[in-house]
PDB file of N, CA and C in Angstrom:
ATOM      1  N   UNK A   1      72.320 196.721 -41.057  1.00  0.00           N
ATOM      2  CA  UNK A   1      72.626 195.410 -41.568  1.00  0.00           C
ATOM      3  C   UNK A   1      72.669 194.422 -40.405  1.00  0.00           C
ATOM      4  N   UNK A   2      72.055 193.305 -40.565  1.00  0.00           N
ATOM      5  CA  UNK A   2      72.009 192.290 -39.527  1.00  0.00           C
ATOM      6  C   UNK A   2      73.339 191.547 -39.463  1.00  0.00           C
ATOM      7  N   UNK A   3      73.688 191.131 -38.271  1.00  0.00           N
ATOM      8  CA  UNK A   3      74.928 190.372 -38.075  1.00  0.00           C
ATOM      9  C   UNK A   3      74.724 188.947 -38.579  1.00  0.00           C
ATOM     10  N   UNK A   4      75.674 188.482 -39.387  1.00  0.00           N
ATOM     11  CA  UNK A   4      75.615 187.128 -39.921  1.00  0.00           C
ATOM     12  C   UNK A   4      76.206 186.144 -38.914  1.00  0.00           C
ATOM     13  N   UNK A   5      75.589 184.995 -38.811  1.00  0.00           N
ATOM     14  CA  UNK A   5      76.193 183.944 -37.998  1.00  0.00           C
ATOM     15  C   UNK A   5      77.314 183.306 -38.804  1.00  0.00           C
ATOM     16  N   UNK A   6      78.095 182.510 -38.141  1.00  0.00           N
ATOM     17  CA  UNK A   6      79.200 181.831 -38.807  1.00  0.00           C
ATOM     18  C   UNK A   6      78.685 180.943 -39.942  1.00  0.00           C
ATOM     19  N   UNK A   7      77.629 180.212 -39.667  1.00  0.00           N
ATOM     20  CA  UNK A   7      77.062 179.312 -40.664  1.00  0.00           C
ATOM     21  C   UNK A   7      76.533 180.091 -41.870  1.00  0.00           C
ATOM     22  N   UNK A   8      75.880 181.231 -41.616  1.00  0.00           N
ATOM     23  CA  UNK A   8      75.351 182.046 -42.711  1.00  0.00           C
ATOM     24  C   UNK A   8      76.484 182.600 -43.569  1.00  0.00           C
ATOM     25  N   UNK A   9      77.565 183.013 -42.913  1.00  0.00           N
ATOM     26  CA  UNK A   9      78.704 183.564 -43.642  1.00  0.00           C
ATOM     27  C   UNK A   9      79.338 182.495 -44.524  1.00  0.00           C
ATOM     28  N   UNK A  10      79.527 181.303 -43.972  1.00  0.00           N
ATOM     29  CA  UNK A  10      80.116 180.206 -44.752  1.00  0.00           C
ATOM     30  C   UNK A  10      79.199 179.824 -45.905  1.00  0.00           C
ATOM     31  N   UNK A  11      77.916 179.807 -45.648  1.00  0.00           N
ATOM     32  CA  UNK A  11      76.948 179.494 -46.701  1.00  0.00           C
ATOM     33  C   UNK A  11      77.031 180.523 -47.831  1.00  0.00           C
ATOM     34  N   UNK A  12      77.154 181.805 -47.467  1.00  0.00           N
ATOM     35  CA  UNK A  12      77.273 182.862 -48.468  1.00  0.00           C
ATOM     36  C   UNK A  12      78.564 182.699 -49.273  1.00  0.00           C
ATOM     37  N   UNK A  13      79.661 182.311 -48.608  1.00  0.00           N
ATOM     38  CA  UNK A  13      80.931 182.092 -49.307  1.00  0.00           C
ATOM     39  C   UNK A  13      80.826 180.952 -50.308  1.00  0.00           C
ATOM     40  N   UNK A  14      80.094 179.925 -49.954  1.00  0.00           N
ATOM     41  CA  UNK A  14      79.938 178.770 -50.845  1.00  0.00           C
ATOM     42  C   UNK A  14      79.226 179.154 -52.140  1.00  0.00           C
ATOM     43  N   UNK A  15      78.410 180.198 -52.086  1.00  0.00           N
ATOM     44  CA  UNK A  15      77.669 180.622 -53.266  1.00  0.00           C
ATOM     45  C   UNK A  15      78.488 181.553 -54.159  1.00  0.00           C
ATOM     46  N   UNK A  16      79.638 182.030 -53.667  1.00  0.00           N
ATOM     47  CA  UNK A  16      80.470 182.965 -54.428  1.00  0.00           C
ATOM     48  C   UNK A  16      81.438 182.215 -55.327  1.00  0.00           C
ATOM     49  N   UNK A  17      81.829 182.885 -56.442  1.00  0.00           N
ATOM     50  CA  UNK A  17      82.883 182.332 -57.279  1.00  0.00           C
ATOM     51  C   UNK A  17      84.225 182.887 -56.780  1.00  0.00           C
ATOM     52  N   UNK A  18      85.316 182.416 -57.341  1.00  0.00           N
ATOM     53  CA  UNK A  18      86.646 182.819 -56.871  1.00  0.00           C
ATOM     54  C   UNK A  18      86.897 184.317 -57.004  1.00  0.00           C
ATOM     55  N   UNK A  19      86.417 184.916 -58.055  1.00  0.00           N
ATOM     56  CA  UNK A  19      86.612 186.350 -58.253  1.00  0.00           C
ATOM     57  C   UNK A  19      85.897 187.149 -57.164  1.00  0.00           C
ATOM     58  N   UNK A  20      84.696 186.731 -56.811  1.00  0.00           N
ATOM     59  CA  UNK A  20      83.946 187.421 -55.761  1.00  0.00           C
ATOM     60  C   UNK A  20      84.636 187.260 -54.402  1.00  0.00           C
ATOM     61  N   UNK A  21      85.175 186.077 -54.150  1.00  0.00           N
ATOM     62  CA  UNK A  21      85.887 185.857 -52.884  1.00  0.00           C
ATOM     63  C   UNK A  21      87.158 186.693 -52.830  1.00  0.00           C
ATOM     64  N   UNK A  22      87.868 186.790 -53.959  1.00  0.00           N
ATOM     65  CA  UNK A  22      89.073 187.627 -54.009  1.00  0.00           C
ATOM     66  C   UNK A  22      88.726 189.081 -53.736  1.00  0.00           C
ATOM     67  N   UNK A  23      87.633 189.562 -54.327  1.00  0.00           N
ATOM     68  CA  UNK A  23      87.191 190.934 -54.081  1.00  0.00           C
ATOM     69  C   UNK A  23      86.862 191.135 -52.604  1.00  0.00           C
ATOM     70  N   UNK A  24      86.232 190.139 -51.990  1.00  0.00           N
ATOM     71  CA  UNK A  24      85.903 190.215 -50.565  1.00  0.00           C
ATOM     72  C   UNK A  24      87.171 190.306 -49.717  1.00  0.00           C
ATOM     73  N   UNK A  25      88.155 189.484 -50.035  1.00  0.00           N
ATOM     74  CA  UNK A  25      89.419 189.506 -49.296  1.00  0.00           C
ATOM     75  C   UNK A  25      90.108 190.859 -49.469  1.00  0.00           C
ATOM     76  N   UNK A  26      90.130 191.387 -50.681  1.00  0.00           N
ATOM     77  CA  UNK A  26      90.738 192.700 -50.928  1.00  0.00           C
ATOM     78  C   UNK A  26      90.020 193.789 -50.145  1.00  0.00           C
ATOM     79  N   UNK A  27      88.692 193.717 -50.092  1.00  0.00           N
ATOM     80  CA  UNK A  27      87.920 194.704 -49.335  1.00  0.00           C
ATOM     81  C   UNK A  27      88.236 194.610 -47.841  1.00  0.00           C
ATOM     82  N   UNK A  28      88.445 193.390 -47.338  1.00  0.00           N
ATOM     83  CA  UNK A  28      88.795 193.209 -45.930  1.00  0.00           C
ATOM     84  C   UNK A  28      90.180 193.778 -45.637  1.00  0.00           C
ATOM     85  N   UNK A  29      91.102 193.632 -46.602  1.00  0.00           N
ATOM     86  CA  UNK A  29      92.434 194.215 -46.437  1.00  0.00           C
ATOM     87  C   UNK A  29      92.331 195.724 -46.305  1.00  0.00           C
ATOM     88  N   UNK A  30      91.538 196.345 -47.185  1.00  0.00           N
ATOM     89  CA  UNK A  30      91.385 197.802 -47.159  1.00  0.00           C
ATOM     90  C   UNK A  30      90.697 198.265 -45.884  1.00  0.00           C
ATOM     91  N   UNK A  31      89.617 197.594 -45.505  1.00  0.00           N
ATOM     92  CA  UNK A  31      88.815 198.010 -44.358  1.00  0.00           C
ATOM     93  C   UNK A  31      89.550 197.857 -43.038  1.00  0.00           C
ATOM     94  N   UNK A  32      90.209 196.718 -42.856  1.00  0.00           N
ATOM     95  CA  UNK A  32      90.805 196.409 -41.562  1.00  0.00           C
ATOM     96  C   UNK A  32      92.324 196.518 -41.542  1.00  0.00           C
ATOM     97  N   UNK A  33      92.948 196.674 -42.708  1.00  0.00           N
ATOM     98  CA  UNK A  33      94.401 196.795 -42.773  1.00  0.00           C
ATOM     99  C   UNK A  33      95.130 195.496 -42.487  1.00  0.00           C
ATOM    100  N   UNK A  34      94.422 194.367 -42.623  1.00  0.00           N
ATOM    101  CA  UNK A  34      95.017 193.059 -42.335  1.00  0.00           C
ATOM    102  C   UNK A  34      94.637 192.101 -43.448  1.00  0.00           C
ATOM    103  N   UNK A  35      95.590 191.311 -43.864  1.00  0.00           N
ATOM    104  CA  UNK A  35      95.318 190.283 -44.867  1.00  0.00           C
ATOM    105  C   UNK A  35      94.751 189.074 -44.136  1.00  0.00           C
ATOM    106  N   UNK A  36      93.478 188.732 -44.338  1.00  0.00           N
ATOM    107  CA  UNK A  36      92.885 187.608 -43.612  1.00  0.00           C
ATOM    108  C   UNK A  36      93.610 186.294 -43.841  1.00  0.00           C
ATOM    109  N   UNK A  37      94.198 186.104 -45.002  1.00  0.00           N
ATOM    110  CA  UNK A  37      94.897 184.846 -45.252  1.00  0.00           C
ATOM    111  C   UNK A  37      96.188 184.751 -44.443  1.00  0.00           C
ATOM    112  N   UNK A  38      96.833 185.863 -44.147  1.00  0.00           N
ATOM    113  CA  UNK A  38      98.064 185.822 -43.363  1.00  0.00           C
ATOM    114  C   UNK A  38      97.769 185.540 -41.899  1.00  0.00           C
ATOM    115  N   UNK A  39      96.610 185.930 -41.410  1.00  0.00           N
ATOM    116  CA  UNK A  39      96.244 185.657 -40.025  1.00  0.00           C
ATOM    117  C   UNK A  39      96.067 184.164 -39.825  1.00  0.00           C
ATOM    118  N   UNK A  40      95.457 183.502 -40.775  1.00  0.00           N
ATOM    119  CA  UNK A  40      95.233 182.060 -40.665  1.00  0.00           C
ATOM    120  C   UNK A  40      96.545 181.290 -40.724  1.00  0.00           C
ATOM    121  N   UNK A  41      97.526 181.794 -41.442  1.00  0.00           N
ATOM    122  CA  UNK A  41      98.813 181.113 -41.562  1.00  0.00           C
ATOM    123  C   UNK A  41      99.685 181.409 -40.351  1.00  0.00           C
ATOM    124  N   UNK A  42      99.591 182.592 -39.769  1.00  0.00           N
ATOM    125  CA  UNK A  42     100.465 182.987 -38.673  1.00  0.00           C
ATOM    126  C   UNK A  42     100.217 182.175 -37.410  1.00  0.00           C
ATOM    127  N   UNK A  43      99.003 181.780 -37.140  1.00  0.00           N
ATOM    128  CA  UNK A  43      98.707 181.046 -35.913  1.00  0.00           C
ATOM    129  C   UNK A  43      99.448 179.710 -35.844  1.00  0.00           C
ATOM    130  N   UNK A  44      99.420 178.860 -36.877  1.00  0.00           N
ATOM    131  CA  UNK A  44     100.171 177.602 -36.779  1.00  0.00           C
ATOM    132  C   UNK A  44     101.680 177.823 -36.702  1.00  0.00           C
ATOM    133  N   UNK A  45     102.184 178.836 -37.375  1.00  0.00           N
ATOM    134  CA  UNK A  45     103.622 179.107 -37.335  1.00  0.00           C
ATOM    135  C   UNK A  45     104.033 179.497 -35.928  1.00  0.00           C
ATOM    136  N   UNK A  46     103.227 180.316 -35.258  1.00  0.00           N
ATOM    137  CA  UNK A  46     103.538 180.719 -33.894  1.00  0.00           C
ATOM    138  C   UNK A  46     103.522 179.517 -32.962  1.00  0.00           C
ATOM    139  N   UNK A  47     102.608 178.606 -33.154  1.00  0.00           N
ATOM    140  CA  UNK A  47     102.539 177.413 -32.319  1.00  0.00           C
ATOM    141  C   UNK A  47     103.778 176.537 -32.526  1.00  0.00           C
ATOM    142  N   UNK A  48     104.274 176.439 -33.740  1.00  0.00           N
ATOM    143  CA  UNK A  48     105.469 175.647 -34.011  1.00  0.00           C
ATOM    144  C   UNK A  48     106.695 176.271 -33.360  1.00  0.00           C
ATOM    145  N   UNK A  49     106.764 177.592 -33.327  1.00  0.00           N
ATOM    146  CA  UNK A  49     107.915 178.269 -32.761  1.00  0.00           C
ATOM    147  C   UNK A  49     108.036 178.008 -31.265  1.00  0.00           C
ATOM    148  N   UNK A  50     106.933 177.797 -30.582  1.00  0.00           N
ATOM    149  CA  UNK A  50     106.955 177.564 -29.157  1.00  0.00           C
ATOM    150  C   UNK A  50     107.625 176.236 -28.829  1.00  0.00           C
ATOM    151  N   UNK A  51     107.443 175.219 -29.641  1.00  0.00           N
ATOM    152  CA  UNK A  51     107.960 173.892 -29.361  1.00  0.00           C
ATOM    153  C   UNK A  51     109.243 173.590 -30.119  1.00  0.00           C
ATOM    154  N   UNK A  52     110.100 174.576 -30.299  1.00  0.00           N
ATOM    155  CA  UNK A  52     111.310 174.379 -31.091  1.00  0.00           C
ATOM    156  C   UNK A  52     112.350 173.510 -30.413  1.00  0.00           C
ATOM    157  N   UNK A  53     112.514 173.622 -29.114  1.00  0.00           N
ATOM    158  CA  UNK A  53     113.529 172.825 -28.460  1.00  0.00           C
ATOM    159  C   UNK A  53     113.726 173.256 -27.026  1.00  0.00           C
ATOM    160  N   UNK A  54     114.869 172.913 -26.464  1.00  0.00           N
ATOM    161  CA  UNK A  54     115.115 173.206 -25.054  1.00  0.00           C
ATOM    162  C   UNK A  54     115.226 174.706 -24.810  1.00  0.00           C
ATOM    163  N   UNK A  55     114.792 175.099 -23.636  1.00  0.00           N
ATOM    164  CA  UNK A  55     114.833 176.520 -23.267  1.00  0.00           C
ATOM    165  C   UNK A  55     116.188 176.880 -22.646  1.00  0.00           C
ATOM    166  N   UNK A  56     116.776 175.929 -21.924  1.00  0.00           N
ATOM    167  CA  UNK A  56     118.045 176.168 -21.263  1.00  0.00           C
ATOM    168  C   UNK A  56     119.073 175.170 -21.803  1.00  0.00           C
ATOM    169  N   UNK A  57     120.270 175.661 -22.126  1.00  0.00           N
ATOM    170  CA  UNK A  57     121.298 174.817 -22.719  1.00  0.00           C
ATOM    171  C   UNK A  57     122.642 175.064 -22.033  1.00  0.00           C
ATOM    172  N   UNK A  58     123.619 174.241 -22.398  1.00  0.00           N
ATOM    173  CA  UNK A  58     124.977 174.362 -21.871  1.00  0.00           C
ATOM    174  C   UNK A  58     125.943 174.502 -23.046  1.00  0.00           C
ATOM    175  N   UNK A  59     126.906 175.405 -22.900  1.00  0.00           N
ATOM    176  CA  UNK A  59     127.951 175.585 -23.914  1.00  0.00           C
ATOM    177  C   UNK A  59     129.180 174.806 -23.447  1.00  0.00           C
ATOM    178  N   UNK A  60     129.607 173.849 -24.269  1.00  0.00           N
ATOM    179  CA  UNK A  60     130.766 173.023 -23.950  1.00  0.00           C
ATOM    180  C   UNK A  60     131.908 173.309 -24.914  1.00  0.00           C
ATOM    181  N   UNK A  61     133.099 173.425 -24.356  1.00  0.00           N
ATOM    182  CA  UNK A  61     134.300 173.594 -25.173  1.00  0.00           C
ATOM    183  C   UNK A  61     134.811 172.202 -25.530  1.00  0.00           C
ATOM    184  N   UNK A  62     134.914 171.928 -26.810  1.00  0.00           N
ATOM    185  CA  UNK A  62     135.403 170.631 -27.277  1.00  0.00           C
ATOM    186  C   UNK A  62     136.916 170.682 -27.462  1.00  0.00           C
ATOM    187  N   UNK A  63     137.400 171.780 -28.074  1.00  0.00           N
ATOM    188  CA  UNK A  63     138.813 171.910 -28.375  1.00  0.00           C
ATOM    189  C   UNK A  63     139.154 173.392 -28.430  1.00  0.00           C
ATOM    190  N   UNK A  64     140.216 173.795 -27.764  1.00  0.00           N
ATOM    191  CA  UNK A  64     140.606 175.202 -27.749  1.00  0.00           C
ATOM    192  C   UNK A  64     141.251 175.641 -29.052  1.00  0.00           C
ATOM    193  N   UNK A  65     141.741 174.714 -29.837  1.00  0.00           N
ATOM    194  CA  UNK A  65     142.350 175.066 -31.112  1.00  0.00           C
ATOM    195  C   UNK A  65     143.760 175.597 -30.960  1.00  0.00           C
ATOM    196  N   UNK A  66     144.274 176.150 -32.035  1.00  0.00           N
ATOM    197  CA  UNK A  66     145.662 176.614 -32.076  1.00  0.00           C
ATOM    198  C   UNK A  66     145.858 177.919 -31.312  1.00  0.00           C
ATOM    199  N   UNK A  67     144.822 178.762 -31.266  1.00  0.00           N
ATOM    200  CA  UNK A  67     144.942 180.066 -30.602  1.00  0.00           C
ATOM    201  C   UNK A  67     144.393 179.971 -29.183  1.00  0.00           C
ATOM    202  N   UNK A  68     145.009 179.098 -28.373  1.00  0.00           N
ATOM    203  CA  UNK A  68     144.512 178.820 -27.020  1.00  0.00           C
ATOM    204  C   UNK A  68     144.488 180.069 -26.137  1.00  0.00           C
ATOM    205  N   UNK A  69     145.447 180.948 -26.295  1.00  0.00           N
ATOM    206  CA  UNK A  69     145.506 182.160 -25.471  1.00  0.00           C
ATOM    207  C   UNK A  69     144.267 183.026 -25.710  1.00  0.00           C
ATOM    208  N   UNK A  70     143.867 183.168 -26.958  1.00  0.00           N
ATOM    209  CA  UNK A  70     142.667 183.949 -27.266  1.00  0.00           C
ATOM    210  C   UNK A  70     141.421 183.298 -26.674  1.00  0.00           C
ATOM    211  N   UNK A  71     141.353 181.978 -26.732  1.00  0.00           N
ATOM    212  CA  UNK A  71     140.207 181.240 -26.184  1.00  0.00           C
ATOM    213  C   UNK A  71     140.156 181.427 -24.669  1.00  0.00           C
ATOM    214  N   UNK A  72     141.307 181.367 -24.009  1.00  0.00           N
ATOM    215  CA  UNK A  72     141.354 181.569 -22.552  1.00  0.00           C
ATOM    216  C   UNK A  72     140.830 182.956 -22.203  1.00  0.00           C
ATOM    217  N   UNK A  73     141.225 183.962 -22.967  1.00  0.00           N
ATOM    218  CA  UNK A  73     140.749 185.330 -22.719  1.00  0.00           C
ATOM    219  C   UNK A  73     139.228 185.412 -22.851  1.00  0.00           C
ATOM    220  N   UNK A  74     138.689 184.767 -23.881  1.00  0.00           N
ATOM    221  CA  UNK A  74     137.241 184.805 -24.101  1.00  0.00           C
ATOM    222  C   UNK A  74     136.522 184.068 -22.971  1.00  0.00           C
ATOM    223  N   UNK A  75     137.029 182.912 -22.563  1.00  0.00           N
ATOM    224  CA  UNK A  75     136.414 182.162 -21.464  1.00  0.00           C
ATOM    225  C   UNK A  75     136.414 182.999 -20.191  1.00  0.00           C
ATOM    226  N   UNK A  76     137.546 183.641 -19.926  1.00  0.00           N
ATOM    227  CA  UNK A  76     137.667 184.500 -18.738  1.00  0.00           C
ATOM    228  C   UNK A  76     136.651 185.632 -18.783  1.00  0.00           C
ATOM    229  N   UNK A  77     136.504 186.231 -19.940  1.00  0.00           N
ATOM    230  CA  UNK A  77     135.550 187.342 -20.120  1.00  0.00           C
ATOM    231  C   UNK A  77     134.102 186.863 -19.933  1.00  0.00           C
ATOM    232  N   UNK A  78     133.771 185.713 -20.510  1.00  0.00           N
ATOM    233  CA  UNK A  78     132.396 185.196 -20.472  1.00  0.00           C
ATOM    234  C   UNK A  78     132.004 184.732 -19.075  1.00  0.00           C
ATOM    235  N   UNK A  79     132.907 183.999 -18.416  1.00  0.00           N
ATOM    236  CA  UNK A  79     132.555 183.356 -17.154  1.00  0.00           C
ATOM    237  C   UNK A  79     132.870 184.199 -15.928  1.00  0.00           C
ATOM    238  N   UNK A  80     133.831 185.090 -16.050  1.00  0.00           N
ATOM    239  CA  UNK A  80     134.255 185.847 -14.880  1.00  0.00           C
ATOM    240  C   UNK A  80     135.215 185.057 -13.999  1.00  0.00           C
ATOM    241  N   UNK A  81     135.665 183.894 -14.491  1.00  0.00           N
ATOM    242  CA  UNK A  81     136.617 183.080 -13.748  1.00  0.00           C
ATOM    243  C   UNK A  81     138.005 183.701 -13.804  1.00  0.00           C
ATOM    244  N   UNK A  82     138.871 183.194 -12.946  1.00  0.00           N
ATOM    245  CA  UNK A  82     140.255 183.645 -12.952  1.00  0.00           C
ATOM    246  C   UNK A  82     141.015 183.030 -14.120  1.00  0.00           C
ATOM    247  N   UNK A  83     142.247 183.462 -14.282  1.00  0.00           N
ATOM    248  CA  UNK A  83     143.082 182.993 -15.378  1.00  0.00           C
ATOM    249  C   UNK A  83     143.331 181.488 -15.302  1.00  0.00           C
ATOM    250  N   UNK A  84     143.631 180.963 -14.112  1.00  0.00           N
ATOM    251  CA  UNK A  84     143.923 179.541 -13.962  1.00  0.00           C
ATOM    252  C   UNK A  84     142.697 178.694 -14.306  1.00  0.00           C
ATOM    253  N   UNK A  85     141.526 179.078 -13.781  1.00  0.00           N
ATOM    254  CA  UNK A  85     140.302 178.313 -14.043  1.00  0.00           C
ATOM    255  C   UNK A  85     139.942 178.351 -15.527  1.00  0.00           C
ATOM    256  N   UNK A  86     140.114 179.510 -16.155  1.00  0.00           N
ATOM    257  CA  UNK A  86     139.836 179.643 -17.589  1.00  0.00           C
ATOM    258  C   UNK A  86     140.789 178.788 -18.405  1.00  0.00           C
ATOM    259  N   UNK A  87     142.074 178.761 -17.978  1.00  0.00           N
ATOM    260  CA  UNK A  87     143.063 177.931 -18.671  1.00  0.00           C
ATOM    261  C   UNK A  87     142.721 176.447 -18.525  1.00  0.00           C
ATOM    262  N   UNK A  88     142.249 176.049 -17.331  1.00  0.00           N
ATOM    263  CA  UNK A  88     141.870 174.646 -17.114  1.00  0.00           C
ATOM    264  C   UNK A  88     140.741 174.237 -18.070  1.00  0.00           C
ATOM    265  N   UNK A  89     139.758 175.091 -18.276  1.00  0.00           N
ATOM    266  CA  UNK A  89     138.671 174.779 -19.208  1.00  0.00           C
ATOM    267  C   UNK A  89     139.229 174.678 -20.625  1.00  0.00           C
ATOM    268  N   UNK A  90     140.118 175.597 -20.988  1.00  0.00           N
ATOM    269  CA  UNK A  90     140.704 175.573 -22.338  1.00  0.00           C
ATOM    270  C   UNK A  90     141.548 174.315 -22.546  1.00  0.00           C
ATOM    271  N   UNK A  91     142.258 173.895 -21.524  1.00  0.00           N
ATOM    272  CA  UNK A  91     143.109 172.707 -21.636  1.00  0.00           C
ATOM    273  C   UNK A  91     142.304 171.412 -21.666  1.00  0.00           C
ATOM    274  N   UNK A  92     141.298 171.318 -20.812  1.00  0.00           N
ATOM    275  CA  UNK A  92     140.582 170.059 -20.612  1.00  0.00           C
ATOM    276  C   UNK A  92     139.215 170.004 -21.292  1.00  0.00           C
ATOM    277  N   UNK A  93     138.726 171.127 -21.757  1.00  0.00           N
ATOM    278  CA  UNK A  93     137.384 171.170 -22.326  1.00  0.00           C
ATOM    279  C   UNK A  93     136.339 171.125 -21.225  1.00  0.00           C
ATOM    280  N   UNK A  94     135.096 171.013 -21.616  1.00  0.00           N
ATOM    281  CA  UNK A  94     134.017 170.946 -20.631  1.00  0.00           C
ATOM    282  C   UNK A  94     133.093 172.135 -20.719  1.00  0.00           C
ATOM    283  N   UNK A  95     132.251 172.250 -19.720  1.00  0.00           N
ATOM    284  CA  UNK A  95     131.218 173.289 -19.712  1.00  0.00           C
ATOM    285  C   UNK A  95     131.829 174.668 -19.494  1.00  0.00           C
ATOM    286  N   UNK A  96     131.514 175.567 -20.407  1.00  0.00           N
ATOM    287  CA  UNK A  96     131.933 176.954 -20.261  1.00  0.00           C
ATOM    288  C   UNK A  96     130.869 177.697 -19.460  1.00  0.00           C
ATOM    289  N   UNK A  97     129.607 177.496 -19.835  1.00  0.00           N
ATOM    290  CA  UNK A  97     128.496 178.122 -19.133  1.00  0.00           C
ATOM    291  C   UNK A  97     127.298 177.191 -19.221  1.00  0.00           C
ATOM    292  N   UNK A  98     126.593 176.997 -18.101  1.00  0.00           N
ATOM    293  CA  UNK A  98     125.490 176.046 -18.039  1.00  0.00           C
ATOM    294  C   UNK A  98     124.166 176.758 -17.775  1.00  0.00           C
ATOM    295  N   UNK A  99     123.079 176.091 -18.181  1.00  0.00           N
ATOM    296  CA  UNK A  99     121.712 176.564 -17.930  1.00  0.00           C
ATOM    297  C   UNK A  99     121.499 178.012 -18.356  1.00  0.00           C
ATOM    298  N   UNK A 100     121.777 178.271 -19.628  1.00  0.00           N
ATOM    299  CA  UNK A 100     121.578 179.601 -20.185  1.00  0.00           C
ATOM    300  C   UNK A 100     120.611 179.514 -21.359  1.00  0.00           C
ATOM    301  N   UNK A 101     120.102 180.655 -21.784  1.00  0.00           N
ATOM    302  CA  UNK A 101     119.159 180.674 -22.902  1.00  0.00           C
ATOM    303  C   UNK A 101     119.866 180.304 -24.201  1.00  0.00           C
ATOM    304  N   UNK A 102     119.089 179.870 -25.163  1.00  0.00           N
ATOM    305  CA  UNK A 102     119.640 179.481 -26.463  1.00  0.00           C
ATOM    306  C   UNK A 102     120.304 180.678 -27.135  1.00  0.00           C
ATOM    307  N   UNK A 103     119.686 181.851 -27.029  1.00  0.00           N
ATOM    308  CA  UNK A 103     120.269 183.050 -27.646  1.00  0.00           C
ATOM    309  C   UNK A 103     121.625 183.383 -27.039  1.00  0.00           C
ATOM    310  N   UNK A 104     121.713 183.343 -25.714  1.00  0.00           N
ATOM    311  CA  UNK A 104     122.984 183.629 -25.050  1.00  0.00           C
ATOM    312  C   UNK A 104     124.030 182.580 -25.433  1.00  0.00           C
ATOM    313  N   UNK A 105     123.600 181.326 -25.514  1.00  0.00           N
ATOM    314  CA  UNK A 105     124.522 180.249 -25.887  1.00  0.00           C
ATOM    315  C   UNK A 105     125.066 180.458 -27.290  1.00  0.00           C
ATOM    316  N   UNK A 106     124.215 180.895 -28.207  1.00  0.00           N
ATOM    317  CA  UNK A 106     124.675 181.144 -29.572  1.00  0.00           C
ATOM    318  C   UNK A 106     125.668 182.295 -29.630  1.00  0.00           C
ATOM    319  N   UNK A 107     125.452 183.320 -28.801  1.00  0.00           N
ATOM    320  CA  UNK A 107     126.401 184.446 -28.752  1.00  0.00           C
ATOM    321  C   UNK A 107     127.757 183.968 -28.222  1.00  0.00           C
ATOM    322  N   UNK A 108     127.729 183.187 -27.150  1.00  0.00           N
ATOM    323  CA  UNK A 108     128.965 182.667 -26.563  1.00  0.00           C
ATOM    324  C   UNK A 108     129.689 181.753 -27.547  1.00  0.00           C
ATOM    325  N   UNK A 109     128.920 180.894 -28.204  1.00  0.00           N
ATOM    326  CA  UNK A 109     129.513 179.987 -29.196  1.00  0.00           C
ATOM    327  C   UNK A 109     130.205 180.779 -30.296  1.00  0.00           C
ATOM    328  N   UNK A 110     129.561 181.839 -30.775  1.00  0.00           N
ATOM    329  CA  UNK A 110     130.146 182.658 -31.836  1.00  0.00           C
ATOM    330  C   UNK A 110     131.454 183.298 -31.373  1.00  0.00           C
ATOM    331  N   UNK A 111     131.488 183.808 -30.134  1.00  0.00           N
ATOM    332  CA  UNK A 111     132.714 184.433 -29.614  1.00  0.00           C
ATOM    333  C   UNK A 111     133.851 183.422 -29.518  1.00  0.00           C
ATOM    334  N   UNK A 112     133.520 182.238 -29.003  1.00  0.00           N
ATOM    335  CA  UNK A 112     134.562 181.219 -28.852  1.00  0.00           C
ATOM    336  C   UNK A 112     135.059 180.709 -30.202  1.00  0.00           C
ATOM    337  N   UNK A 113     134.150 180.514 -31.140  1.00  0.00           N
ATOM    338  CA  UNK A 113     134.563 180.056 -32.466  1.00  0.00           C
ATOM    339  C   UNK A 113     135.392 181.115 -33.178  1.00  0.00           C
ATOM    340  N   UNK A 114     135.059 182.376 -32.962  1.00  0.00           N
ATOM    341  CA  UNK A 114     135.850 183.474 -33.550  1.00  0.00           C
ATOM    342  C   UNK A 114     137.274 183.463 -33.000  1.00  0.00           C
ATOM    343  N   UNK A 115     137.408 183.054 -31.730  1.00  0.00           N
ATOM    344  CA  UNK A 115     138.735 182.972 -31.104  1.00  0.00           C
ATOM    345  C   UNK A 115     139.489 181.731 -31.542  1.00  0.00           C
ATOM    346  N   UNK A 116     138.811 180.792 -32.221  1.00  0.00           N
ATOM    347  CA  UNK A 116     139.483 179.613 -32.744  1.00  0.00           C
ATOM    348  C   UNK A 116     139.103 178.307 -32.048  1.00  0.00           C
ATOM    349  N   UNK A 117     138.124 178.327 -31.158  1.00  0.00           N
ATOM    350  CA  UNK A 117     137.743 177.126 -30.426  1.00  0.00           C
ATOM    351  C   UNK A 117     136.693 176.313 -31.164  1.00  0.00           C
ATOM    352  N   UNK A 118     136.625 175.038 -30.817  1.00  0.00           N
ATOM    353  CA  UNK A 118     135.552 174.171 -31.298  1.00  0.00           C
ATOM    354  C   UNK A 118     134.569 174.017 -30.137  1.00  0.00           C
ATOM    355  N   UNK A 119     133.286 174.372 -30.397  1.00  0.00           N
ATOM    356  CA  UNK A 119     132.285 174.460 -29.328  1.00  0.00           C
ATOM    357  C   UNK A 119     131.045 173.689 -29.732  1.00  0.00           C
ATOM    358  N   UNK A 120     130.360 173.115 -28.714  1.00  0.00           N
ATOM    359  CA  UNK A 120     129.058 172.518 -28.951  1.00  0.00           C
ATOM    360  C   UNK A 120     128.070 173.034 -27.915  1.00  0.00           C
ATOM    361  N   UNK A 121     126.803 173.124 -28.350  1.00  0.00           N
ATOM    362  CA  UNK A 121     125.732 173.571 -27.462  1.00  0.00           C
ATOM    363  C   UNK A 121     124.806 172.394 -27.235  1.00  0.00           C
ATOM    364  N   UNK A 122     124.592 172.065 -25.980  1.00  0.00           N
ATOM    365  CA  UNK A 122     123.710 170.938 -25.640  1.00  0.00           C
ATOM    366  C   UNK A 122     122.571 171.429 -24.783  1.00  0.00           C
TER     367      UNK A 122
END
């Protein structure tokens, strides 16, 4: 069988009805194990995921809340700071951790919120 050019293939598709095209797509799924329609959709989705937002962020403590002792413990655990430095962040707010990945920031935010703090990621 001769190899079809792109133009010849498109021309052949134009001559097919919807049922014939569906059969062709099903045959491609069986032959190659891939749904051709999902490949065309996956490329734009992957491109959108790349431009989602900042790569490096900062976790800021807005308010330590009522359970300040628990928040101080979490800050100490996350940052490796001493008790006094962790207490200062809990008392005054500010950056808990800077220039970290979004995933790490979300983990830290979850830990601090679980301890009762109000946190923002910038």
